[in-house]
Amino acid sequence: MKTKRKKKLNIISIIVIICILGIGSYFSMYIVAQLKKTTSNNVVGNNSKIKNIIQQQNNNEINGIDLGVLTKEQFNQASSLGEKYKDKNLIINGINFIQKTDQEFKNTYVSNIGIWTPYVKVINASAELAKNYTTINEDNMINKVKNDQINLNSIFCSAMVGGDELDFVKNDNLVIIITNNDGTQKILHPIHTSSEMANDVTTIFFPYSPVYQGNINAEFDISGLNNIKNITVKVIQPNNPEVEGVFDYNKINQL
């Protein structure tokens, strides 16, 4: 009797273990399946986000050329102004250029400050096409941007400055402060700089200070800055107080 009971208990124990293992195996397979499903969903979700980013980037291109901080609408608007500006100066006082008075130049050693934005770069490119009687259309404009290697993610600044030594201009510098529409600011330093003496090396004040005059030029990367309100250009000279010029970005983009 005891032997039969032990065998019966052993059989029941084996059945219970099998059931437990079967249930455990089922739940294991279920969990693995859910994990695979979750992972698959995450991959699909991530791939979708990546596709959206790529699409957004491609949406700001024409024929594979990046429009930089400009929208397609801004690019086409600037392109349409070529005929208007083919015989006009794109350096406009009070818009993208600030001319100081002679007295201000004498006091501050800064004669003028100018700025060249991506929008103005496109107008200038379009004006060059118009001058050469080339049809202004999207394809020709994009080829012009490509062939001339026009950077639509940067702005160019220049200032005419004075000094009392022939090589003074090499020590001067430009920095800009971007003010966005939401009030936030960003300080930018040049990615490229150059300096040169002016064609008229001496100033109208010669032999008095400032004796000499020259230009300092700088290029700034504004990639991703699509909410600009104004740009402050600061002219920094070792022995003089800094001088600044403030430019309304929207005014420049409405030439």
C-alpha atoms as a PDB file:
ATOM      1  CA  MET A   1       0.000   0.000   0.000  1.00  0.00           C
ATOM      2  CA  LYS A   2       2.733   2.438   0.987  1.00  0.00           C
ATOM      3  CA  THR A   3       4.630   1.651  -2.234  1.00  0.00           C
ATOM      4  CA  LYS A   4       1.542   2.277  -4.398  1.00  0.00           C
ATOM      5  CA  ARG A   5       0.838   5.526  -2.508  1.00  0.00           C
ATOM      6  CA  LYS A   6       4.426   6.707  -3.048  1.00  0.00           C
ATOM      7  CA  LYS A   7       4.193   5.901  -6.763  1.00  0.00           C
ATOM      8  CA  LYS A   8       0.898   7.775  -6.986  1.00  0.00           C
ATOM      9  CA  LEU A   9       2.413  10.794  -5.208  1.00  0.00           C
ATOM     10  CA  ASN A  10       5.436  10.688  -7.482  1.00  0.00           C
ATOM     11  CA  ILE A  11       3.202  10.629 -10.572  1.00  0.00           C
ATOM     12  CA  ILE A  12       1.161  13.577  -9.244  1.00  0.00           C
ATOM     13  CA  SER A  13       4.370  15.500  -8.476  1.00  0.00           C
ATOM     14  CA  ILE A  14       5.672  14.895 -11.998  1.00  0.00           C
ATOM     15  CA  ILE A  15       2.359  16.073 -13.490  1.00  0.00           C
ATOM     16  CA  VAL A  16       2.425  19.224 -11.335  1.00  0.00           C
ATOM     17  CA  ILE A  17       6.041  19.976 -12.352  1.00  0.00           C
ATOM     18  CA  ILE A  18       5.179  19.465 -16.024  1.00  0.00           C
ATOM     19  CA  CYS A  19       2.220  21.847 -15.669  1.00  0.00           C
ATOM     20  CA  ILE A  20       4.373  24.429 -13.948  1.00  0.00           C
ATOM     21  CA  LEU A  21       7.060  24.132 -16.609  1.00  0.00           C
ATOM     22  CA  GLY A  22       4.445  24.346 -19.336  1.00  0.00           C
ATOM     23  CA  ILE A  23       2.855  27.434 -17.816  1.00  0.00           C
ATOM     24  CA  GLY A  24       6.313  28.971 -17.252  1.00  0.00           C
ATOM     25  CA  SER A  25       7.281  28.235 -20.834  1.00  0.00           C
ATOM     26  CA  TYR A  26       4.028  29.801 -22.079  1.00  0.00           C
ATOM     27  CA  PHE A  27       4.571  32.944 -20.052  1.00  0.00           C
ATOM     28  CA  SER A  28       8.209  33.074 -21.156  1.00  0.00           C
ATOM     29  CA  MET A  29       7.165  32.884 -24.800  1.00  0.00           C
ATOM     30  CA  TYR A  30       4.443  35.490 -24.157  1.00  0.00           C
ATOM     31  CA  ILE A  31       6.898  37.881 -22.516  1.00  0.00           C
ATOM     32  CA  VAL A  32       9.443  37.399 -25.293  1.00  0.00           C
ATOM     33  CA  ALA A  33       6.730  38.035 -27.885  1.00  0.00           C
ATOM     34  CA  GLN A  34       5.656  41.236 -26.082  1.00  0.00           C
ATOM     35  CA  LEU A  35       9.243  42.400 -25.830  1.00  0.00           C
ATOM     36  CA  LYS A  36       9.734  41.783 -29.537  1.00  0.00           C
ATOM     37  CA  LYS A  37       6.518  43.665 -30.256  1.00  0.00           C
ATOM     38  CA  THR A  38       7.595  46.584 -28.053  1.00  0.00           C
ATOM     39  CA  THR A  39      11.073  46.653 -29.598  1.00  0.00           C
ATOM     40  CA  SER A  40       9.554  46.523 -33.064  1.00  0.00           C
ATOM     41  CA  ASN A  41       7.215  49.406 -32.213  1.00  0.00           C
ATOM     42  CA  ASN A  42      10.139  51.432 -30.825  1.00  0.00           C
ATOM     43  CA  VAL A  43      12.192  50.772 -33.958  1.00  0.00           C
ATOM     44  CA  VAL A  44       9.271  51.761 -36.169  1.00  0.00           C
ATOM     45  CA  GLY A  45       8.720  54.871 -34.033  1.00  0.00           C
ATOM     46  CA  ASN A  46      12.387  55.849 -34.178  1.00  0.00           C
ATOM     47  CA  ASN A  47      12.535  55.192 -37.907  1.00  0.00           C
ATOM     48  CA  SER A  48       9.452  57.363 -38.334  1.00  0.00           C
ATOM     49  CA  LYS A  49      11.091  60.209 -36.387  1.00  0.00           C
ATOM     50  CA  ILE A  50      14.264  59.897 -38.466  1.00  0.00           C
ATOM     51  CA  LYS A  51      12.228  59.945 -41.675  1.00  0.00           C
ATOM     52  CA  ASN A  52      10.410  63.083 -40.493  1.00  0.00           C
ATOM     53  CA  ILE A  53      13.721  64.823 -39.731  1.00  0.00           C
ATOM     54  CA  ILE A  54      15.102  63.846 -43.154  1.00  0.00           C
ATOM     55  CA  GLN A  55      11.905  65.034 -44.842  1.00  0.00           C
ATOM     56  CA  GLN A  56      12.086  68.370 -43.007  1.00  0.00           C
ATOM     57  CA  GLN A  57      15.696  68.782 -44.107  1.00  0.00           C
ATOM     58  CA  ASN A  58      14.852  67.846 -47.691  1.00  0.00           C
ATOM     59  CA  ASN A  59      11.922  70.272 -47.639  1.00  0.00           C
ATOM     60  CA  ASN A  60      14.447  73.091 -47.256  1.00  0.00           C
ATOM     61  CA  GLU A  61      16.365  72.096 -50.359  1.00  0.00           C
ATOM     62  CA  ILE A  62      16.019  72.824 -54.041  1.00  0.00           C
ATOM     63  CA  ASN A  63      17.666  70.390 -56.442  1.00  0.00           C
ATOM     64  CA  GLY A  64      19.716  69.038 -53.534  1.00  0.00           C
ATOM     65  CA  ILE A  65      21.075  72.471 -52.512  1.00  0.00           C
ATOM     66  CA  ASP A  66      20.514  73.462 -48.883  1.00  0.00           C
ATOM     67  CA  LEU A  67      18.758  76.828 -48.520  1.00  0.00           C
ATOM     68  CA  GLY A  68      20.292  77.308 -45.075  1.00  0.00           C
ATOM     69  CA  VAL A  69      18.308  79.629 -42.809  1.00  0.00           C
ATOM     70  CA  LEU A  70      16.071  80.731 -45.687  1.00  0.00           C
ATOM     71  CA  THR A  71      12.707  79.192 -46.448  1.00  0.00           C
ATOM     72  CA  LYS A  72      11.798  78.380 -50.044  1.00  0.00           C
ATOM     73  CA  GLU A  73       9.448  81.356 -50.003  1.00  0.00           C
ATOM     74  CA  GLN A  74      12.239  83.708 -48.853  1.00  0.00           C
ATOM     75  CA  PHE A  75      14.656  82.269 -51.405  1.00  0.00           C
ATOM     76  CA  ASN A  76      12.191  82.765 -54.260  1.00  0.00           C
ATOM     77  CA  GLN A  77      11.256  86.242 -53.017  1.00  0.00           C
ATOM     78  CA  ALA A  78      14.919  87.306 -52.917  1.00  0.00           C
ATOM     79  CA  SER A  79      15.473  85.748 -56.358  1.00  0.00           C
ATOM     80  CA  SER A  80      12.637  87.813 -57.812  1.00  0.00           C
ATOM     81  CA  LEU A  81      14.410  91.069 -56.871  1.00  0.00           C
ATOM     82  CA  GLY A  82      17.319  90.626 -59.271  1.00  0.00           C
ATOM     83  CA  GLU A  83      15.848  92.874 -61.965  1.00  0.00           C
ATOM     84  CA  LYS A  84      15.077  95.566 -59.398  1.00  0.00           C
ATOM     85  CA  TYR A  85      18.599  95.665 -57.988  1.00  0.00           C
ATOM     86  CA  LYS A  86      20.717  94.907 -61.069  1.00  0.00           C
ATOM     87  CA  ASP A  87      21.604  98.608 -61.375  1.00  0.00           C
ATOM     88  CA  LYS A  88      21.220  99.543 -57.723  1.00  0.00           C
ATOM     89  CA  ASN A  89      23.543  99.378 -54.758  1.00  0.00           C
ATOM     90  CA  LEU A  90      22.536  96.675 -52.286  1.00  0.00           C
ATOM     91  CA  ILE A  91      24.374  98.509 -49.509  1.00  0.00           C
ATOM     92  CA  ILE A  92      21.542 100.618 -48.112  1.00  0.00           C
ATOM     93  CA  ASN A  93      22.182 103.058 -45.303  1.00  0.00           C
ATOM     94  CA  GLY A  94      19.802 102.489 -42.405  1.00  0.00           C
ATOM     95  CA  ILE A  95      18.948  98.950 -43.522  1.00  0.00           C
ATOM     96  CA  ASN A  96      22.085  96.821 -43.865  1.00  0.00           C
ATOM     97  CA  PHE A  97      24.646  99.613 -43.534  1.00  0.00           C
ATOM     98  CA  ILE A  98      25.354 102.277 -40.909  1.00  0.00           C
ATOM     99  CA  GLN A  99      27.414 105.298 -41.916  1.00  0.00           C
ATOM    100  CA  LYS A 100      28.919 107.301 -39.064  1.00  0.00           C
ATOM    101  CA  THR A 101      29.532 111.035 -39.283  1.00  0.00           C
ATOM    102  CA  ASP A 102      33.062 112.375 -39.627  1.00  0.00           C
ATOM    103  CA  GLN A 103      32.915 113.554 -36.034  1.00  0.00           C
ATOM    104  CA  GLU A 104      31.793 110.123 -34.844  1.00  0.00           C
ATOM    105  CA  PHE A 105      34.626 108.547 -36.821  1.00  0.00           C
ATOM    106  CA  LYS A 106      37.108 110.933 -35.205  1.00  0.00           C
ATOM    107  CA  ASN A 107      35.770 110.196 -31.720  1.00  0.00           C
ATOM    108  CA  THR A 108      35.200 106.429 -31.975  1.00  0.00           C
ATOM    109  CA  TYR A 109      37.615 105.340 -34.750  1.00  0.00           C
ATOM    110  CA  VAL A 110      34.717 103.581 -36.533  1.00  0.00           C
ATOM    111  CA  SER A 111      33.526 105.013 -39.863  1.00  0.00           C
ATOM    112  CA  ASN A 112      30.862 102.504 -40.917  1.00  0.00           C
ATOM    113  CA  ILE A 113      29.426  99.042 -40.272  1.00  0.00           C
ATOM    114  CA  GLY A 114      27.744  96.760 -42.804  1.00  0.00           C
ATOM    115  CA  ILE A 115      26.056  93.375 -42.830  1.00  0.00           C
ATOM    116  CA  TRP A 116      25.365  90.888 -45.651  1.00  0.00           C
ATOM    117  CA  THR A 117      22.656  88.318 -44.837  1.00  0.00           C
ATOM    118  CA  PRO A 118      21.680  85.150 -46.753  1.00  0.00           C
ATOM    119  CA  TYR A 119      18.638  86.999 -48.118  1.00  0.00           C
ATOM    120  CA  VAL A 120      20.815  89.802 -49.524  1.00  0.00           C
ATOM    121  CA  LYS A 121      23.289  87.237 -50.878  1.00  0.00           C
ATOM    122  CA  VAL A 122      20.470  85.714 -52.954  1.00  0.00           C
ATOM    123  CA  ILE A 123      19.341  89.148 -54.208  1.00  0.00           C
ATOM    124  CA  ASN A 124      22.924  89.910 -55.217  1.00  0.00           C
ATOM    125  CA  ALA A 125      23.231  86.571 -57.053  1.00  0.00           C
ATOM    126  CA  SER A 126      19.960  87.229 -58.857  1.00  0.00           C
ATOM    127  CA  ALA A 127      21.076  90.765 -59.802  1.00  0.00           C
ATOM    128  CA  GLU A 128      24.258  89.341 -61.328  1.00  0.00           C
ATOM    129  CA  LEU A 129      22.176  86.983 -63.469  1.00  0.00           C
ATOM    130  CA  ALA A 130      19.956  89.874 -64.541  1.00  0.00           C
ATOM    131  CA  LYS A 131      22.967  92.002 -65.509  1.00  0.00           C
ATOM    132  CA  ASN A 132      24.128  89.200 -67.787  1.00  0.00           C
ATOM    133  CA  TYR A 133      20.660  88.756 -69.327  1.00  0.00           C
ATOM    134  CA  THR A 134      20.347  85.281 -67.843  1.00  0.00           C
ATOM    135  CA  THR A 135      16.793  84.128 -67.163  1.00  0.00           C
ATOM    136  CA  ILE A 136      16.068  84.270 -63.458  1.00  0.00           C
ATOM    137  CA  ASN A 137      14.444  80.964 -62.564  1.00  0.00           C
ATOM    138  CA  GLU A 138      14.860  78.370 -59.854  1.00  0.00           C
ATOM    139  CA  ASP A 139      17.312  76.202 -61.784  1.00  0.00           C
ATOM    140  CA  ASN A 140      19.591  79.089 -62.770  1.00  0.00           C
ATOM    141  CA  MET A 141      19.512  80.519 -59.263  1.00  0.00           C
ATOM    142  CA  ILE A 142      20.406  77.200 -57.676  1.00  0.00           C
ATOM    143  CA  ASN A 143      23.262  76.735 -60.163  1.00  0.00           C
ATOM    144  CA  LYS A 144      24.490  80.224 -59.292  1.00  0.00           C
ATOM    145  CA  VAL A 145      24.416  79.456 -55.566  1.00  0.00           C
ATOM    146  CA  LYS A 146      26.226  76.172 -56.171  1.00  0.00           C
ATOM    147  CA  ASN A 147      28.874  77.473 -58.589  1.00  0.00           C
ATOM    148  CA  ASP A 148      29.631  80.595 -56.531  1.00  0.00           C
ATOM    149  CA  GLN A 149      29.635  78.528 -53.317  1.00  0.00           C
ATOM    150  CA  ILE A 150      27.264  80.977 -51.632  1.00  0.00           C
ATOM    151  CA  ASN A 151      26.826  80.052 -47.974  1.00  0.00           C
ATOM    152  CA  LEU A 152      23.185  80.537 -46.957  1.00  0.00           C
ATOM    153  CA  ASN A 153      23.958  79.569 -43.363  1.00  0.00           C
ATOM    154  CA  SER A 154      26.201  82.540 -42.650  1.00  0.00           C
ATOM    155  CA  ILE A 155      26.234  86.317 -42.519  1.00  0.00           C
ATOM    156  CA  PHE A 156      29.099  88.567 -43.495  1.00  0.00           C
ATOM    157  CA  CYS A 157      29.973  91.723 -41.549  1.00  0.00           C
ATOM    158  CA  SER A 158      32.413  94.497 -42.313  1.00  0.00           C
ATOM    159  CA  ALA A 159      33.551  97.693 -40.622  1.00  0.00           C
ATOM    160  CA  MET A 160      35.802 100.541 -41.672  1.00  0.00           C
ATOM    161  CA  VAL A 161      37.964 101.497 -38.730  1.00  0.00           C
ATOM    162  CA  GLY A 162      40.702 103.973 -37.961  1.00  0.00           C
ATOM    163  CA  GLY A 163      44.068 103.746 -36.249  1.00  0.00           C
ATOM    164  CA  ASP A 164      47.374 105.495 -35.796  1.00  0.00           C
ATOM    165  CA  GLU A 165      49.704 102.737 -37.013  1.00  0.00           C
ATOM    166  CA  LEU A 166      49.843 101.182 -40.476  1.00  0.00           C
ATOM    167  CA  ASP A 167      49.155  97.657 -39.224  1.00  0.00           C
ATOM    168  CA  PHE A 168      46.562  98.657 -36.593  1.00  0.00           C
ATOM    169  CA  VAL A 169      43.644  96.831 -38.227  1.00  0.00           C
ATOM    170  CA  LYS A 170      45.095  93.369 -37.543  1.00  0.00           C
ATOM    171  CA  ASN A 171      44.294  93.837 -33.849  1.00  0.00           C
ATOM    172  CA  ASP A 172      40.632  94.774 -34.320  1.00  0.00           C
ATOM    173  CA  ASN A 173      37.786  92.282 -34.106  1.00  0.00           C
ATOM    174  CA  LEU A 174      34.057  91.831 -34.764  1.00  0.00           C
ATOM    175  CA  VAL A 175      31.536  89.960 -32.605  1.00  0.00           C
ATOM    176  CA  ILE A 176      27.781  89.751 -33.124  1.00  0.00           C
ATOM    177  CA  ILE A 177      24.862  89.251 -30.753  1.00  0.00           C
ATOM    178  CA  ILE A 178      21.745  87.599 -32.153  1.00  0.00           C
ATOM    179  CA  THR A 179      18.495  88.655 -30.474  1.00  0.00           C
ATOM    180  CA  ASN A 180      15.595  86.308 -31.207  1.00  0.00           C
ATOM    181  CA  ASN A 181      11.910  87.172 -31.333  1.00  0.00           C
ATOM    182  CA  ASP A 182      11.394  85.494 -27.952  1.00  0.00           C
ATOM    183  CA  GLY A 183      14.006  87.763 -26.331  1.00  0.00           C
ATOM    184  CA  THR A 184      16.771  85.174 -26.032  1.00  0.00           C
ATOM    185  CA  GLN A 185      20.251  86.123 -27.189  1.00  0.00           C
ATOM    186  CA  LYS A 186      23.257  84.332 -28.593  1.00  0.00           C
ATOM    187  CA  ILE A 187      26.815  85.626 -28.904  1.00  0.00           C
ATOM    188  CA  LEU A 188      28.634  84.538 -32.052  1.00  0.00           C
ATOM    189  CA  HIS A 189      32.337  84.722 -32.851  1.00  0.00           C
ATOM    190  CA  PRO A 190      33.674  84.718 -36.415  1.00  0.00           C
ATOM    191  CA  ILE A 191      34.411  81.506 -38.284  1.00  0.00           C
ATOM    192  CA  HIS A 192      36.573  83.516 -40.703  1.00  0.00           C
ATOM    193  CA  THR A 193      38.173  86.959 -40.460  1.00  0.00           C
ATOM    194  CA  SER A 194      40.261  89.153 -42.720  1.00  0.00           C
ATOM    195  CA  SER A 195      41.586  92.692 -42.627  1.00  0.00           C
ATOM    196  CA  GLU A 196      43.014  95.136 -45.122  1.00  0.00           C
ATOM    197  CA  MET A 197      44.011  98.748 -45.391  1.00  0.00           C
ATOM    198  CA  ALA A 198      41.589 100.983 -47.278  1.00  0.00           C
ATOM    199  CA  ASN A 199      42.355 102.237 -50.784  1.00  0.00           C
ATOM    200  CA  ASP A 200      42.832 105.659 -49.261  1.00  0.00           C
ATOM    201  CA  VAL A 201      45.229 104.643 -46.530  1.00  0.00           C
ATOM    202  CA  THR A 202      45.106 107.953 -44.686  1.00  0.00           C
ATOM    203  CA  THR A 203      41.951 109.527 -43.258  1.00  0.00           C
ATOM    204  CA  ILE A 204      40.611 113.025 -43.833  1.00  0.00           C
ATOM    205  CA  PHE A 205      42.092 113.877 -40.429  1.00  0.00           C
ATOM    206  CA  PHE A 206      45.711 113.220 -41.468  1.00  0.00           C
ATOM    207  CA  PRO A 207      48.127 114.024 -39.863  1.00  0.00           C
ATOM    208  CA  TYR A 208      45.844 113.961 -36.837  1.00  0.00           C
ATOM    209  CA  SER A 209      44.177 110.912 -35.257  1.00  0.00           C
ATOM    210  CA  PRO A 210      42.924 108.645 -36.552  1.00  0.00           C
ATOM    211  CA  VAL A 211      45.693 108.782 -39.155  1.00  0.00           C
ATOM    212  CA  TYR A 212      44.976 105.558 -41.073  1.00  0.00           C
ATOM    213  CA  GLN A 213      41.872 103.633 -42.068  1.00  0.00           C
ATOM    214  CA  GLY A 214      41.212 100.026 -42.969  1.00  0.00           C
ATOM    215  CA  ASN A 215      38.536  97.330 -43.156  1.00  0.00           C
ATOM    216  CA  ILE A 216      37.906  94.372 -40.908  1.00  0.00           C
ATOM    217  CA  ASN A 217      35.695  91.579 -42.281  1.00  0.00           C
ATOM    218  CA  ALA A 218      34.162  88.572 -40.553  1.00  0.00           C
ATOM    219  CA  GLU A 219      31.864  85.670 -41.396  1.00  0.00           C
ATOM    220  CA  PHE A 220      29.519  84.169 -38.794  1.00  0.00           C
ATOM    221  CA  ASP A 221      27.715  80.823 -38.798  1.00  0.00           C
ATOM    222  CA  ILE A 222      23.979  81.251 -38.099  1.00  0.00           C
ATOM    223  CA  SER A 223      22.914  77.672 -38.865  1.00  0.00           C
ATOM    224  CA  GLY A 224      19.602  76.782 -37.221  1.00  0.00           C
ATOM    225  CA  LEU A 225      18.827  80.374 -36.180  1.00  0.00           C
ATOM    226  CA  ASN A 226      15.427  80.845 -37.794  1.00  0.00           C
ATOM    227  CA  ASN A 227      13.843  83.220 -35.304  1.00  0.00           C
ATOM    228  CA  ILE A 228      16.125  86.270 -35.527  1.00  0.00           C
ATOM    229  CA  LYS A 229      14.763  89.696 -34.604  1.00  0.00           C
ATOM    230  CA  ASN A 230      17.898  91.809 -34.830  1.00  0.00           C
ATOM    231  CA  ILE A 231      21.660  91.536 -35.100  1.00  0.00           C
ATOM    232  CA  THR A 232      24.059  93.685 -33.100  1.00  0.00           C
ATOM    233  CA  VAL A 233      27.524  94.007 -34.605  1.00  0.00           C
ATOM    234  CA  LYS A 234      30.195  94.983 -32.100  1.00  0.00           C
ATOM    235  CA  VAL A 235      33.470  96.510 -33.279  1.00  0.00           C
ATOM    236  CA  ILE A 236      36.210  95.765 -30.768  1.00  0.00           C
ATOM    237  CA  GLN A 237      39.447  97.752 -30.786  1.00  0.00           C
ATOM    238  CA  PRO A 238      42.257  97.347 -28.241  1.00  0.00           C
ATOM    239  CA  ASN A 239      42.610 101.009 -27.258  1.00  0.00           C
ATOM    240  CA  ASN A 240      39.103 102.370 -27.857  1.00  0.00           C
ATOM    241  CA  PRO A 241      35.616 101.781 -26.454  1.00  0.00           C
ATOM    242  CA  GLU A 242      33.611  99.245 -28.457  1.00  0.00           C
ATOM    243  CA  VAL A 243      31.179 100.575 -31.051  1.00  0.00           C
ATOM    244  CA  GLU A 244      28.039  98.749 -32.105  1.00  0.00           C
ATOM    245  CA  GLY A 245      25.522  98.780 -34.931  1.00  0.00           C
ATOM    246  CA  VAL A 246      22.063  97.244 -34.588  1.00  0.00           C
ATOM    247  CA  PHE A 247      20.321  95.826 -37.665  1.00  0.00           C
ATOM    248  CA  ASP A 248      16.654  94.867 -37.966  1.00  0.00           C
ATOM    249  CA  TYR A 249      16.712  91.408 -39.535  1.00  0.00           C
ATOM    250  CA  ASN A 250      13.126  91.631 -40.832  1.00  0.00           C
ATOM    251  CA  LYS A 251      13.805  94.967 -42.544  1.00  0.00           C
ATOM    252  CA  ILE A 252      16.776  93.461 -44.360  1.00  0.00           C
ATOM    253  CA  ASN A 253      14.587  90.542 -45.465  1.00  0.00           C
ATOM    254  CA  GLN A 254      11.989  92.926 -46.885  1.00  0.00           C
ATOM    255  CA  LEU A 255      14.156  94.813 -49.367  1.00  0.00           C
END
